[in-house]
Amino acid sequence: MSRFSGSTLLASVRALTVVAGALTAMSGLVVASHAQAAGTVDDTSLAAQVKETLSHDDNLQAQDIKVVAQAGRVHLSGWVTDPADVQEAMHDAMKVPGVTSVDSNLHTWASK
């Protein structure tokens, strides 16, 4: 039967603690990188959901509205028929689950 001295055992425990800490830090980085990658997919999906919602509004010509999403924030740009359509598009976008805010750079055809 082998024997460990107290200092050898303590050194082994310290080494294992350092390794465990490093592995925990590394797993945190992996989780963070997956979250960033997932965020990109979620942004794309969110933008698509907003675009689809806008396309179902018969009062809007959604093909002239560009939608970009980032971390729940949606940015609308493009052209609409009249000023009321700007508010309607923003309202429609806010109804989509996951949207936290809506910024608009929509212009009316009359102002072109």
PDB file of N, CA and C in Angstrom:
ATOM      1  N   MET A   1       0.846  -1.156   0.000  1.00  0.00           N
ATOM      2  CA  MET A   1       0.000   0.000   0.000  1.00  0.00           C
ATOM      3  C   MET A   1       0.900   1.230   0.000  1.00  0.00           C
ATOM      4  N   SER A   2       0.592   2.184  -0.880  1.00  0.00           N
ATOM      5  CA  SER A   2       1.433   3.376  -0.945  1.00  0.00           C
ATOM      6  C   SER A   2       0.895   4.425   0.009  1.00  0.00           C
ATOM      7  N   ARG A   3       1.804   5.248   0.433  1.00  0.00           N
ATOM      8  CA  ARG A   3       1.456   6.303   1.378  1.00  0.00           C
ATOM      9  C   ARG A   3       1.779   7.652   0.761  1.00  0.00           C
ATOM     10  N   PHE A   4       0.912   8.598   1.008  1.00  0.00           N
ATOM     11  CA  PHE A   4       1.153   9.968   0.574  1.00  0.00           C
ATOM     12  C   PHE A   4       1.465  10.791   1.802  1.00  0.00           C
ATOM     13  N   SER A   5       2.410  11.673   1.663  1.00  0.00           N
ATOM     14  CA  SER A   5       2.659  12.594   2.767  1.00  0.00           C
ATOM     15  C   SER A   5       1.616  13.697   2.690  1.00  0.00           C
ATOM     16  N   GLY A   6       1.449  14.399   3.749  1.00  0.00           N
ATOM     17  CA  GLY A   6       0.463  15.482   3.791  1.00  0.00           C
ATOM     18  C   GLY A   6       0.754  16.541   2.745  1.00  0.00           C
ATOM     19  N   SER A   7       2.036  16.868   2.537  1.00  0.00           N
ATOM     20  CA  SER A   7       2.364  17.911   1.567  1.00  0.00           C
ATOM     21  C   SER A   7       2.129  17.428   0.141  1.00  0.00           C
ATOM     22  N   THR A   8       2.356  16.137  -0.149  1.00  0.00           N
ATOM     23  CA  THR A   8       2.106  15.598  -1.479  1.00  0.00           C
ATOM     24  C   THR A   8       0.615  15.599  -1.772  1.00  0.00           C
ATOM     25  N   LEU A   9      -0.178  15.203  -0.789  1.00  0.00           N
ATOM     26  CA  LEU A   9      -1.622  15.189  -0.954  1.00  0.00           C
ATOM     27  C   LEU A   9      -2.156  16.608  -1.152  1.00  0.00           C
ATOM     28  N   LEU A  10      -1.667  17.559  -0.387  1.00  0.00           N
ATOM     29  CA  LEU A  10      -2.087  18.947  -0.502  1.00  0.00           C
ATOM     30  C   LEU A  10      -1.711  19.505  -1.876  1.00  0.00           C
ATOM     31  N   ALA A  11      -0.525  19.184  -2.365  1.00  0.00           N
ATOM     32  CA  ALA A  11      -0.095  19.642  -3.690  1.00  0.00           C
ATOM     33  C   ALA A  11      -0.985  19.042  -4.776  1.00  0.00           C
ATOM     34  N   SER A  12      -1.365  17.789  -4.622  1.00  0.00           N
ATOM     35  CA  SER A  12      -2.241  17.144  -5.600  1.00  0.00           C
ATOM     36  C   SER A  12      -3.626  17.790  -5.609  1.00  0.00           C
ATOM     37  N   VAL A  13      -4.147  18.092  -4.444  1.00  0.00           N
ATOM     38  CA  VAL A  13      -5.457  18.736  -4.340  1.00  0.00           C
ATOM     39  C   VAL A  13      -5.405  20.122  -4.979  1.00  0.00           C
ATOM     40  N   ARG A  14      -4.328  20.865  -4.720  1.00  0.00           N
ATOM     41  CA  ARG A  14      -4.186  22.191  -5.318  1.00  0.00           C
ATOM     42  C   ARG A  14      -4.116  22.094  -6.845  1.00  0.00           C
ATOM     43  N   ALA A  15      -3.368  21.137  -7.337  1.00  0.00           N
ATOM     44  CA  ALA A  15      -3.247  20.962  -8.785  1.00  0.00           C
ATOM     45  C   ALA A  15      -4.601  20.621  -9.402  1.00  0.00           C
ATOM     46  N   LEU A  16      -5.348  19.748  -8.749  1.00  0.00           N
ATOM     47  CA  LEU A  16      -6.672  19.397  -9.254  1.00  0.00           C
ATOM     48  C   LEU A  16      -7.615  20.600  -9.217  1.00  0.00           C
ATOM     49  N   THR A  17      -7.487  21.426  -8.206  1.00  0.00           N
ATOM     50  CA  THR A  17      -8.314  22.629  -8.098  1.00  0.00           C
ATOM     51  C   THR A  17      -8.021  23.583  -9.252  1.00  0.00           C
ATOM     52  N   VAL A  18      -6.735  23.734  -9.581  1.00  0.00           N
ATOM     53  CA  VAL A  18      -6.351  24.605 -10.696  1.00  0.00           C
ATOM     54  C   VAL A  18      -6.905  24.058 -12.010  1.00  0.00           C
ATOM     55  N   VAL A  19      -6.782  22.752 -12.213  1.00  0.00           N
ATOM     56  CA  VAL A  19      -7.288  22.123 -13.434  1.00  0.00           C
ATOM     57  C   VAL A  19      -8.810  22.281 -13.505  1.00  0.00           C
ATOM     58  N   ALA A  20      -9.488  22.057 -12.396  1.00  0.00           N
ATOM     59  CA  ALA A  20     -10.951  22.191 -12.378  1.00  0.00           C
ATOM     60  C   ALA A  20     -11.363  23.631 -12.689  1.00  0.00           C
ATOM     61  N   GLY A  21     -10.625  24.586 -12.146  1.00  0.00           N
ATOM     62  CA  GLY A  21     -10.919  25.994 -12.424  1.00  0.00           C
ATOM     63  C   GLY A  21     -10.728  26.327 -13.897  1.00  0.00           C
ATOM     64  N   ALA A  22      -9.660  25.799 -14.471  1.00  0.00           N
ATOM     65  CA  ALA A  22      -9.393  26.044 -15.893  1.00  0.00           C
ATOM     66  C   ALA A  22     -10.487  25.428 -16.760  1.00  0.00           C
ATOM     67  N   LEU A  23     -10.905  24.209 -16.418  1.00  0.00           N
ATOM     68  CA  LEU A  23     -11.975  23.559 -17.185  1.00  0.00           C
ATOM     69  C   LEU A  23     -13.286  24.320 -17.063  1.00  0.00           C
ATOM     70  N   THR A  24     -13.577  24.828 -15.898  1.00  0.00           N
ATOM     71  CA  THR A  24     -14.791  25.611 -15.696  1.00  0.00           C
ATOM     72  C   THR A  24     -14.744  26.881 -16.539  1.00  0.00           C
ATOM     73  N   ALA A  25     -13.599  27.551 -16.552  1.00  0.00           N
ATOM     74  CA  ALA A  25     -13.450  28.763 -17.360  1.00  0.00           C
ATOM     75  C   ALA A  25     -13.606  28.440 -18.842  1.00  0.00           C
ATOM     76  N   MET A  26     -13.009  27.350 -19.277  1.00  0.00           N
ATOM     77  CA  MET A  26     -13.100  26.964 -20.678  1.00  0.00           C
ATOM     78  C   MET A  26     -14.542  26.626 -21.055  1.00  0.00           C
ATOM     79  N   SER A  27     -15.256  25.939 -20.179  1.00  0.00           N
ATOM     80  CA  SER A  27     -16.646  25.601 -20.491  1.00  0.00           C
ATOM     81  C   SER A  27     -17.488  26.861 -20.561  1.00  0.00           C
ATOM     82  N   GLY A  28     -17.157  27.867 -19.756  1.00  0.00           N
ATOM     83  CA  GLY A  28     -17.862  29.143 -19.825  1.00  0.00           C
ATOM     84  C   GLY A  28     -17.654  29.819 -21.163  1.00  0.00           C
ATOM     85  N   LEU A  29     -16.441  29.727 -21.695  1.00  0.00           N
ATOM     86  CA  LEU A  29     -16.164  30.303 -23.007  1.00  0.00           C
ATOM     87  C   LEU A  29     -16.936  29.578 -24.092  1.00  0.00           C
ATOM     88  N   VAL A  30     -17.020  28.271 -23.988  1.00  0.00           N
ATOM     89  CA  VAL A  30     -17.763  27.484 -24.973  1.00  0.00           C
ATOM     90  C   VAL A  30     -19.240  27.854 -24.918  1.00  0.00           C
ATOM     91  N   VAL A  31     -19.791  27.973 -23.721  1.00  0.00           N
ATOM     92  CA  VAL A  31     -21.197  28.353 -23.578  1.00  0.00           C
ATOM     93  C   VAL A  31     -21.420  29.750 -24.148  1.00  0.00           C
ATOM     94  N   ALA A  32     -20.500  30.680 -23.877  1.00  0.00           N
ATOM     95  CA  ALA A  32     -20.644  32.038 -24.389  1.00  0.00           C
ATOM     96  C   ALA A  32     -20.598  32.058 -25.910  1.00  0.00           C
ATOM     97  N   SER A  33     -19.697  31.270 -26.506  1.00  0.00           N
ATOM     98  CA  SER A  33     -19.617  31.278 -27.966  1.00  0.00           C
ATOM     99  C   SER A  33     -20.862  30.655 -28.581  1.00  0.00           C
ATOM    100  N   HIS A  34     -21.428  29.637 -27.937  1.00  0.00           N
ATOM    101  CA  HIS A  34     -22.682  29.067 -28.434  1.00  0.00           C
ATOM    102  C   HIS A  34     -23.811  30.072 -28.304  1.00  0.00           C
ATOM    103  N   ALA A  35     -23.820  30.840 -27.227  1.00  0.00           N
ATOM    104  CA  ALA A  35     -24.864  31.846 -27.036  1.00  0.00           C
ATOM    105  C   ALA A  35     -24.764  32.924 -28.107  1.00  0.00           C
ATOM    106  N   GLN A  36     -23.537  33.333 -28.456  1.00  0.00           N
ATOM    107  CA  GLN A  36     -23.375  34.333 -29.504  1.00  0.00           C
ATOM    108  C   GLN A  36     -23.855  33.781 -30.834  1.00  0.00           C
ATOM    109  N   ALA A  37     -23.492  32.551 -31.123  1.00  0.00           N
ATOM    110  CA  ALA A  37     -23.933  31.940 -32.374  1.00  0.00           C
ATOM    111  C   ALA A  37     -25.451  31.812 -32.394  1.00  0.00           C
ATOM    112  N   ALA A  38     -26.018  31.422 -31.261  1.00  0.00           N
ATOM    113  CA  ALA A  38     -27.472  31.300 -31.176  1.00  0.00           C
ATOM    114  C   ALA A  38     -28.128  32.667 -31.327  1.00  0.00           C
ATOM    115  N   GLY A  39     -27.491  33.710 -30.777  1.00  0.00           N
ATOM    116  CA  GLY A  39     -28.026  35.059 -30.899  1.00  0.00           C
ATOM    117  C   GLY A  39     -28.125  35.487 -32.344  1.00  0.00           C
ATOM    118  N   THR A  40     -27.154  35.117 -33.146  1.00  0.00           N
ATOM    119  CA  THR A  40     -27.179  35.441 -34.567  1.00  0.00           C
ATOM    120  C   THR A  40     -28.360  34.763 -35.237  1.00  0.00           C
ATOM    121  N   VAL A  41     -28.566  33.498 -34.935  1.00  0.00           N
ATOM    122  CA  VAL A  41     -29.697  32.775 -35.510  1.00  0.00           C
ATOM    123  C   VAL A  41     -30.995  33.392 -35.022  1.00  0.00           C
ATOM    124  N   ASP A  42     -31.074  33.715 -33.749  1.00  0.00           N
ATOM    125  CA  ASP A  42     -32.282  34.317 -33.197  1.00  0.00           C
ATOM    126  C   ASP A  42     -32.572  35.664 -33.848  1.00  0.00           C
ATOM    127  N   ASP A  43     -31.543  36.460 -34.101  1.00  0.00           N
ATOM    128  CA  ASP A  43     -31.739  37.757 -34.745  1.00  0.00           C
ATOM    129  C   ASP A  43     -32.312  37.576 -36.143  1.00  0.00           C
ATOM    130  N   THR A  44     -31.755  36.627 -36.867  1.00  0.00           N
ATOM    131  CA  THR A  44     -32.232  36.359 -38.220  1.00  0.00           C
ATOM    132  C   THR A  44     -33.679  35.880 -38.198  1.00  0.00           C
ATOM    133  N   SER A  45     -33.964  34.981 -37.269  1.00  0.00           N
ATOM    134  CA  SER A  45     -35.322  34.456 -37.135  1.00  0.00           C
ATOM    135  C   SER A  45     -36.292  35.558 -36.719  1.00  0.00           C
ATOM    136  N   LEU A  46     -35.864  36.395 -35.790  1.00  0.00           N
ATOM    137  CA  LEU A  46     -36.718  37.482 -35.319  1.00  0.00           C
ATOM    138  C   LEU A  46     -37.021  38.459 -36.460  1.00  0.00           C
ATOM    139  N   ALA A  47     -36.008  38.795 -37.226  1.00  0.00           N
ATOM    140  CA  ALA A  47     -36.226  39.689 -38.370  1.00  0.00           C
ATOM    141  C   ALA A  47     -37.206  39.068 -39.366  1.00  0.00           C
ATOM    142  N   ALA A  48     -37.069  37.773 -39.602  1.00  0.00           N
ATOM    143  CA  ALA A  48     -37.977  37.082 -40.527  1.00  0.00           C
ATOM    144  C   ALA A  48     -39.410  37.083 -39.994  1.00  0.00           C
ATOM    145  N   GLN A  49     -39.564  36.894 -38.681  1.00  0.00           N
ATOM    146  CA  GLN A  49     -40.909  36.902 -38.087  1.00  0.00           C
ATOM    147  C   GLN A  49     -41.545  38.285 -38.201  1.00  0.00           C
ATOM    148  N   VAL A  50     -40.739  39.327 -37.979  1.00  0.00           N
ATOM    149  CA  VAL A  50     -41.261  40.693 -38.105  1.00  0.00           C
ATOM    150  C   VAL A  50     -41.654  40.962 -39.557  1.00  0.00           C
ATOM    151  N   LYS A  51     -40.788  40.580 -40.488  1.00  0.00           N
ATOM    152  CA  LYS A  51     -41.073  40.790 -41.918  1.00  0.00           C
ATOM    153  C   LYS A  51     -42.368  40.060 -42.314  1.00  0.00           C
ATOM    154  N   GLU A  52     -42.535  38.853 -41.796  1.00  0.00           N
ATOM    155  CA  GLU A  52     -43.755  38.100 -42.092  1.00  0.00           C
ATOM    156  C   GLU A  52     -44.988  38.787 -41.502  1.00  0.00           C
ATOM    157  N   THR A  53     -44.877  39.275 -40.287  1.00  0.00           N
ATOM    158  CA  THR A  53     -45.985  39.987 -39.655  1.00  0.00           C
ATOM    159  C   THR A  53     -46.355  41.224 -40.469  1.00  0.00           C
ATOM    160  N   LEU A  54     -45.344  41.956 -40.909  1.00  0.00           N
ATOM    161  CA  LEU A  54     -45.605  43.145 -41.722  1.00  0.00           C
ATOM    162  C   LEU A  54     -46.268  42.771 -43.045  1.00  0.00           C
ATOM    163  N   SER A  55     -45.856  41.654 -43.618  1.00  0.00           N
ATOM    164  CA  SER A  55     -46.411  41.249 -44.912  1.00  0.00           C
ATOM    165  C   SER A  55     -47.888  40.844 -44.809  1.00  0.00           C
ATOM    166  N   HIS A  56     -48.331  40.465 -43.604  1.00  0.00           N
ATOM    167  CA  HIS A  56     -49.730  40.083 -43.412  1.00  0.00           C
ATOM    168  C   HIS A  56     -50.634  41.284 -43.128  1.00  0.00           C
ATOM    169  N   ASP A  57     -50.040  42.462 -42.986  1.00  0.00           N
ATOM    170  CA  ASP A  57     -50.826  43.672 -42.769  1.00  0.00           C
ATOM    171  C   ASP A  57     -51.206  44.231 -44.139  1.00  0.00           C
ATOM    172  N   ASP A  58     -52.500  44.136 -44.472  1.00  0.00           N
ATOM    173  CA  ASP A  58     -52.973  44.561 -45.793  1.00  0.00           C
ATOM    174  C   ASP A  58     -52.808  46.057 -46.032  1.00  0.00           C
ATOM    175  N   ASN A  59     -52.607  46.826 -44.967  1.00  0.00           N
ATOM    176  CA  ASN A  59     -52.466  48.273 -45.114  1.00  0.00           C
ATOM    177  C   ASN A  59     -51.041  48.704 -45.466  1.00  0.00           C
ATOM    178  N   LEU A  60     -50.104  47.772 -45.396  1.00  0.00           N
ATOM    179  CA  LEU A  60     -48.699  48.100 -45.658  1.00  0.00           C
ATOM    180  C   LEU A  60     -48.200  47.415 -46.921  1.00  0.00           C
ATOM    181  N   GLN A  61     -47.249  48.040 -47.559  1.00  0.00           N
ATOM    182  CA  GLN A  61     -46.534  47.388 -48.653  1.00  0.00           C
ATOM    183  C   GLN A  61     -45.188  46.956 -48.082  1.00  0.00           C
ATOM    184  N   ALA A  62     -45.186  45.810 -47.395  1.00  0.00           N
ATOM    185  CA  ALA A  62     -44.027  45.360 -46.628  1.00  0.00           C
ATOM    186  C   ALA A  62     -42.814  45.039 -47.500  1.00  0.00           C
ATOM    187  N   GLN A  63     -43.027  44.833 -48.801  1.00  0.00           N
ATOM    188  CA  GLN A  63     -41.885  44.530 -49.648  1.00  0.00           C
ATOM    189  C   GLN A  63     -40.932  45.722 -49.721  1.00  0.00           C
ATOM    190  N   ASP A  64     -41.387  46.916 -49.345  1.00  0.00           N
ATOM    191  CA  ASP A  64     -40.545  48.104 -49.354  1.00  0.00           C
ATOM    192  C   ASP A  64     -39.957  48.408 -47.975  1.00  0.00           C
ATOM    193  N   ILE A  65     -40.124  47.490 -47.039  1.00  0.00           N
ATOM    194  CA  ILE A  65     -39.606  47.677 -45.683  1.00  0.00           C
ATOM    195  C   ILE A  65     -38.520  46.643 -45.411  1.00  0.00           C
ATOM    196  N   LYS A  66     -37.337  47.123 -45.047  1.00  0.00           N
ATOM    197  CA  LYS A  66     -36.228  46.244 -44.668  1.00  0.00           C
ATOM    198  C   LYS A  66     -36.237  46.112 -43.148  1.00  0.00           C
ATOM    199  N   VAL A  67     -36.021  44.885 -42.664  1.00  0.00           N
ATOM    200  CA  VAL A  67     -36.047  44.612 -41.229  1.00  0.00           C
ATOM    201  C   VAL A  67     -34.704  44.024 -40.791  1.00  0.00           C
ATOM    202  N   VAL A  68     -34.109  44.621 -39.765  1.00  0.00           N
ATOM    203  CA  VAL A  68     -32.874  44.111 -39.173  1.00  0.00           C
ATOM    204  C   VAL A  68     -33.117  43.981 -37.670  1.00  0.00           C
ATOM    205  N   ALA A  69     -32.702  42.845 -37.091  1.00  0.00           N
ATOM    206  CA  ALA A  69     -32.872  42.635 -35.648  1.00  0.00           C
ATOM    207  C   ALA A  69     -31.517  42.375 -35.013  1.00  0.00           C
ATOM    208  N   GLN A  70     -31.349  42.890 -33.805  1.00  0.00           N
ATOM    209  CA  GLN A  70     -30.132  42.631 -33.045  1.00  0.00           C
ATOM    210  C   GLN A  70     -30.488  42.640 -31.563  1.00  0.00           C
ATOM    211  N   ALA A  71     -30.370  41.462 -30.961  1.00  0.00           N
ATOM    212  CA  ALA A  71     -30.618  41.301 -29.522  1.00  0.00           C
ATOM    213  C   ALA A  71     -31.985  41.846 -29.114  1.00  0.00           C
ATOM    214  N   GLY A  72     -32.999  41.574 -29.924  1.00  0.00           N
ATOM    215  CA  GLY A  72     -34.355  41.990 -29.591  1.00  0.00           C
ATOM    216  C   GLY A  72     -34.747  43.353 -30.128  1.00  0.00           C
ATOM    217  N   ARG A  73     -33.748  44.165 -30.494  1.00  0.00           N
ATOM    218  CA  ARG A  73     -34.035  45.477 -31.080  1.00  0.00           C
ATOM    219  C   ARG A  73     -34.248  45.314 -32.575  1.00  0.00           C
ATOM    220  N   VAL A  74     -35.324  45.888 -33.079  1.00  0.00           N
ATOM    221  CA  VAL A  74     -35.650  45.792 -34.497  1.00  0.00           C
ATOM    222  C   VAL A  74     -35.516  47.171 -35.126  1.00  0.00           C
ATOM    223  N   HIS A  75     -34.875  47.201 -36.291  1.00  0.00           N
ATOM    224  CA  HIS A  75     -34.726  48.449 -37.036  1.00  0.00           C
ATOM    225  C   HIS A  75     -35.456  48.291 -38.367  1.00  0.00           C
ATOM    226  N   LEU A  76     -36.380  49.221 -38.626  1.00  0.00           N
ATOM    227  CA  LEU A  76     -37.137  49.223 -39.875  1.00  0.00           C
ATOM    228  C   LEU A  76     -36.621  50.354 -40.758  1.00  0.00           C
ATOM    229  N   SER A  77     -36.424  50.055 -42.031  1.00  0.00           N
ATOM    230  CA  SER A  77     -36.031  51.097 -42.974  1.00  0.00           C
ATOM    231  C   SER A  77     -36.713  50.837 -44.303  1.00  0.00           C
ATOM    232  N   GLY A  78     -36.820  51.893 -45.097  1.00  0.00           N
ATOM    233  CA  GLY A  78     -37.449  51.751 -46.405  1.00  0.00           C
ATOM    234  C   GLY A  78     -38.524  52.792 -46.616  1.00  0.00           C
ATOM    235  N   TRP A  79     -39.514  52.420 -47.429  1.00  0.00           N
ATOM    236  CA  TRP A  79     -40.538  53.357 -47.861  1.00  0.00           C
ATOM    237  C   TRP A  79     -41.942  52.822 -47.584  1.00  0.00           C
ATOM    238  N   VAL A  80     -42.832  53.723 -47.165  1.00  0.00           N
ATOM    239  CA  VAL A  80     -44.242  53.397 -46.960  1.00  0.00           C
ATOM    240  C   VAL A  80     -45.087  54.465 -47.646  1.00  0.00           C
ATOM    241  N   THR A  81     -46.389  54.199 -47.759  1.00  0.00           N
ATOM    242  CA  THR A  81     -47.277  55.084 -48.499  1.00  0.00           C
ATOM    243  C   THR A  81     -47.539  56.416 -47.797  1.00  0.00           C
ATOM    244  N   ASP A  82     -47.848  56.359 -46.493  1.00  0.00           N
ATOM    245  CA  ASP A  82     -48.122  57.609 -45.783  1.00  0.00           C
ATOM    246  C   ASP A  82     -47.604  57.545 -44.349  1.00  0.00           C
ATOM    247  N   PRO A  83     -47.566  58.696 -43.674  1.00  0.00           N
ATOM    248  CA  PRO A  83     -46.995  58.742 -42.321  1.00  0.00           C
ATOM    249  C   PRO A  83     -47.653  57.793 -41.322  1.00  0.00           C
ATOM    250  N   ALA A  84     -48.937  57.519 -41.466  1.00  0.00           N
ATOM    251  CA  ALA A  84     -49.619  56.589 -40.548  1.00  0.00           C
ATOM    252  C   ALA A  84     -49.043  55.181 -40.675  1.00  0.00           C
ATOM    253  N   ASP A  85     -48.535  54.846 -41.859  1.00  0.00           N
ATOM    254  CA  ASP A  85     -47.949  53.519 -42.073  1.00  0.00           C
ATOM    255  C   ASP A  85     -46.673  53.314 -41.246  1.00  0.00           C
ATOM    256  N   VAL A  86     -45.971  54.391 -40.984  1.00  0.00           N
ATOM    257  CA  VAL A  86     -44.765  54.291 -40.153  1.00  0.00           C
ATOM    258  C   VAL A  86     -45.154  53.780 -38.772  1.00  0.00           C
ATOM    259  N   GLN A  87     -46.159  54.408 -38.180  1.00  0.00           N
ATOM    260  CA  GLN A  87     -46.623  53.998 -36.851  1.00  0.00           C
ATOM    261  C   GLN A  87     -47.207  52.593 -36.874  1.00  0.00           C
ATOM    262  N   GLU A  88     -47.932  52.267 -37.927  1.00  0.00           N
ATOM    263  CA  GLU A  88     -48.529  50.935 -38.030  1.00  0.00           C
ATOM    264  C   GLU A  88     -47.443  49.853 -38.130  1.00  0.00           C
ATOM    265  N   ALA A  89     -46.420  50.121 -38.915  1.00  0.00           N
ATOM    266  CA  ALA A  89     -45.329  49.153 -39.062  1.00  0.00           C
ATOM    267  C   ALA A  89     -44.607  48.963 -37.726  1.00  0.00           C
ATOM    268  N   MET A  90     -44.363  50.046 -37.013  1.00  0.00           N
ATOM    269  CA  MET A  90     -43.702  49.947 -35.708  1.00  0.00           C
ATOM    270  C   MET A  90     -44.576  49.172 -34.720  1.00  0.00           C
ATOM    271  N   HIS A  91     -45.869  49.449 -34.737  1.00  0.00           N
ATOM    272  CA  HIS A  91     -46.813  48.748 -33.854  1.00  0.00           C
ATOM    273  C   HIS A  91     -46.842  47.247 -34.183  1.00  0.00           C
ATOM    274  N   ASP A  92     -46.903  46.920 -35.475  1.00  0.00           N
ATOM    275  CA  ASP A  92     -46.908  45.510 -35.893  1.00  0.00           C
ATOM    276  C   ASP A  92     -45.635  44.805 -35.427  1.00  0.00           C
ATOM    277  N   ALA A  93     -44.496  45.472 -35.579  1.00  0.00           N
ATOM    278  CA  ALA A  93     -43.214  44.868 -35.189  1.00  0.00           C
ATOM    279  C   ALA A  93     -43.165  44.601 -33.687  1.00  0.00           C
ATOM    280  N   MET A  94     -43.695  45.520 -32.888  1.00  0.00           N
ATOM    281  CA  MET A  94     -43.673  45.352 -31.429  1.00  0.00           C
ATOM    282  C   MET A  94     -44.533  44.181 -30.964  1.00  0.00           C
ATOM    283  N   LYS A  95     -45.488  43.756 -31.779  1.00  0.00           N
ATOM    284  CA  LYS A  95     -46.360  42.627 -31.405  1.00  0.00           C
ATOM    285  C   LYS A  95     -45.652  41.281 -31.511  1.00  0.00           C
ATOM    286  N   VAL A  96     -44.534  41.236 -32.204  1.00  0.00           N
ATOM    287  CA  VAL A  96     -43.820  39.971 -32.409  1.00  0.00           C
ATOM    288  C   VAL A  96     -43.087  39.595 -31.123  1.00  0.00           C
ATOM    289  N   PRO A  97     -43.316  38.372 -30.613  1.00  0.00           N
ATOM    290  CA  PRO A  97     -42.628  37.936 -29.397  1.00  0.00           C
ATOM    291  C   PRO A  97     -41.106  37.978 -29.581  1.00  0.00           C
ATOM    292  N   GLY A  98     -40.430  38.548 -28.594  1.00  0.00           N
ATOM    293  CA  GLY A  98     -38.973  38.656 -28.646  1.00  0.00           C
ATOM    294  C   GLY A  98     -38.488  40.040 -29.007  1.00  0.00           C
ATOM    295  N   VAL A  99     -39.374  40.867 -29.568  1.00  0.00           N
ATOM    296  CA  VAL A  99     -38.999  42.237 -29.913  1.00  0.00           C
ATOM    297  C   VAL A  99     -39.054  43.083 -28.644  1.00  0.00           C
ATOM    298  N   THR A 100     -37.952  43.761 -28.338  1.00  0.00           N
ATOM    299  CA  THR A 100     -37.899  44.591 -27.134  1.00  0.00           C
ATOM    300  C   THR A 100     -38.047  46.071 -27.452  1.00  0.00           C
ATOM    301  N   SER A 101     -37.644  46.467 -28.672  1.00  0.00           N
ATOM    302  CA  SER A 101     -37.823  47.857 -29.092  1.00  0.00           C
ATOM    303  C   SER A 101     -37.785  47.918 -30.614  1.00  0.00           C
ATOM    304  N   VAL A 102     -38.323  49.015 -31.136  1.00  0.00           N
ATOM    305  CA  VAL A 102     -38.357  49.202 -32.592  1.00  0.00           C
ATOM    306  C   VAL A 102     -37.861  50.606 -32.915  1.00  0.00           C
ATOM    307  N   ASP A 103     -36.873  50.676 -33.791  1.00  0.00           N
ATOM    308  CA  ASP A 103     -36.380  51.948 -34.325  1.00  0.00           C
ATOM    309  C   ASP A 103     -36.842  52.031 -35.772  1.00  0.00           C
ATOM    310  N   SER A 104     -37.157  53.233 -36.214  1.00  0.00           N
ATOM    311  CA  SER A 104     -37.641  53.384 -37.579  1.00  0.00           C
ATOM    312  C   SER A 104     -36.844  54.415 -38.360  1.00  0.00           C
ATOM    313  N   ASN A 105     -36.499  54.027 -39.548  1.00  0.00           N
ATOM    314  CA  ASN A 105     -35.935  54.943 -40.532  1.00  0.00           C
ATOM    315  C   ASN A 105     -36.785  54.804 -41.797  1.00  0.00           C
ATOM    316  N   LEU A 106     -38.102  54.736 -41.576  1.00  0.00           N
ATOM    317  CA  LEU A 106     -39.048  54.620 -42.686  1.00  0.00           C
ATOM    318  C   LEU A 106     -39.369  56.006 -43.225  1.00  0.00           C
ATOM    319  N   HIS A 107     -39.504  56.096 -44.532  1.00  0.00           N
ATOM    320  CA  HIS A 107     -39.840  57.348 -45.206  1.00  0.00           C
ATOM    321  C   HIS A 107     -41.136  57.137 -45.981  1.00  0.00           C
ATOM    322  N   THR A 108     -41.847  58.232 -46.208  1.00  0.00           N
ATOM    323  CA  THR A 108     -43.068  58.137 -47.017  1.00  0.00           C
ATOM    324  C   THR A 108     -42.743  58.482 -48.460  1.00  0.00           C
ATOM    325  N   TRP A 109     -43.504  57.891 -49.367  1.00  0.00           N
ATOM    326  CA  TRP A 109     -43.288  58.138 -50.799  1.00  0.00           C
ATOM    327  C   TRP A 109     -43.457  59.623 -51.092  1.00  0.00           C
ATOM    328  N   ALA A 110     -44.329  60.313 -50.376  1.00  0.00           N
ATOM    329  CA  ALA A 110     -44.565  61.728 -50.612  1.00  0.00           C
ATOM    330  C   ALA A 110     -43.312  62.563 -50.333  1.00  0.00           C
ATOM    331  N   SER A 111     -42.442  62.083 -49.435  1.00  0.00           N
ATOM    332  CA  SER A 111     -41.244  62.827 -49.082  1.00  0.00           C
ATOM    333  C   SER A 111     -40.068  62.523 -49.989  1.00  0.00           C
ATOM    334  N   LYS A 112     -40.259  61.596 -50.928  1.00  0.00           N
ATOM    335  CA  LYS A 112     -39.165  61.182 -51.833  1.00  0.00           C
ATOM    336  C   LYS A 112     -38.875  62.228 -52.873  1.00  0.00           C
TER     337      LYS A 112
END
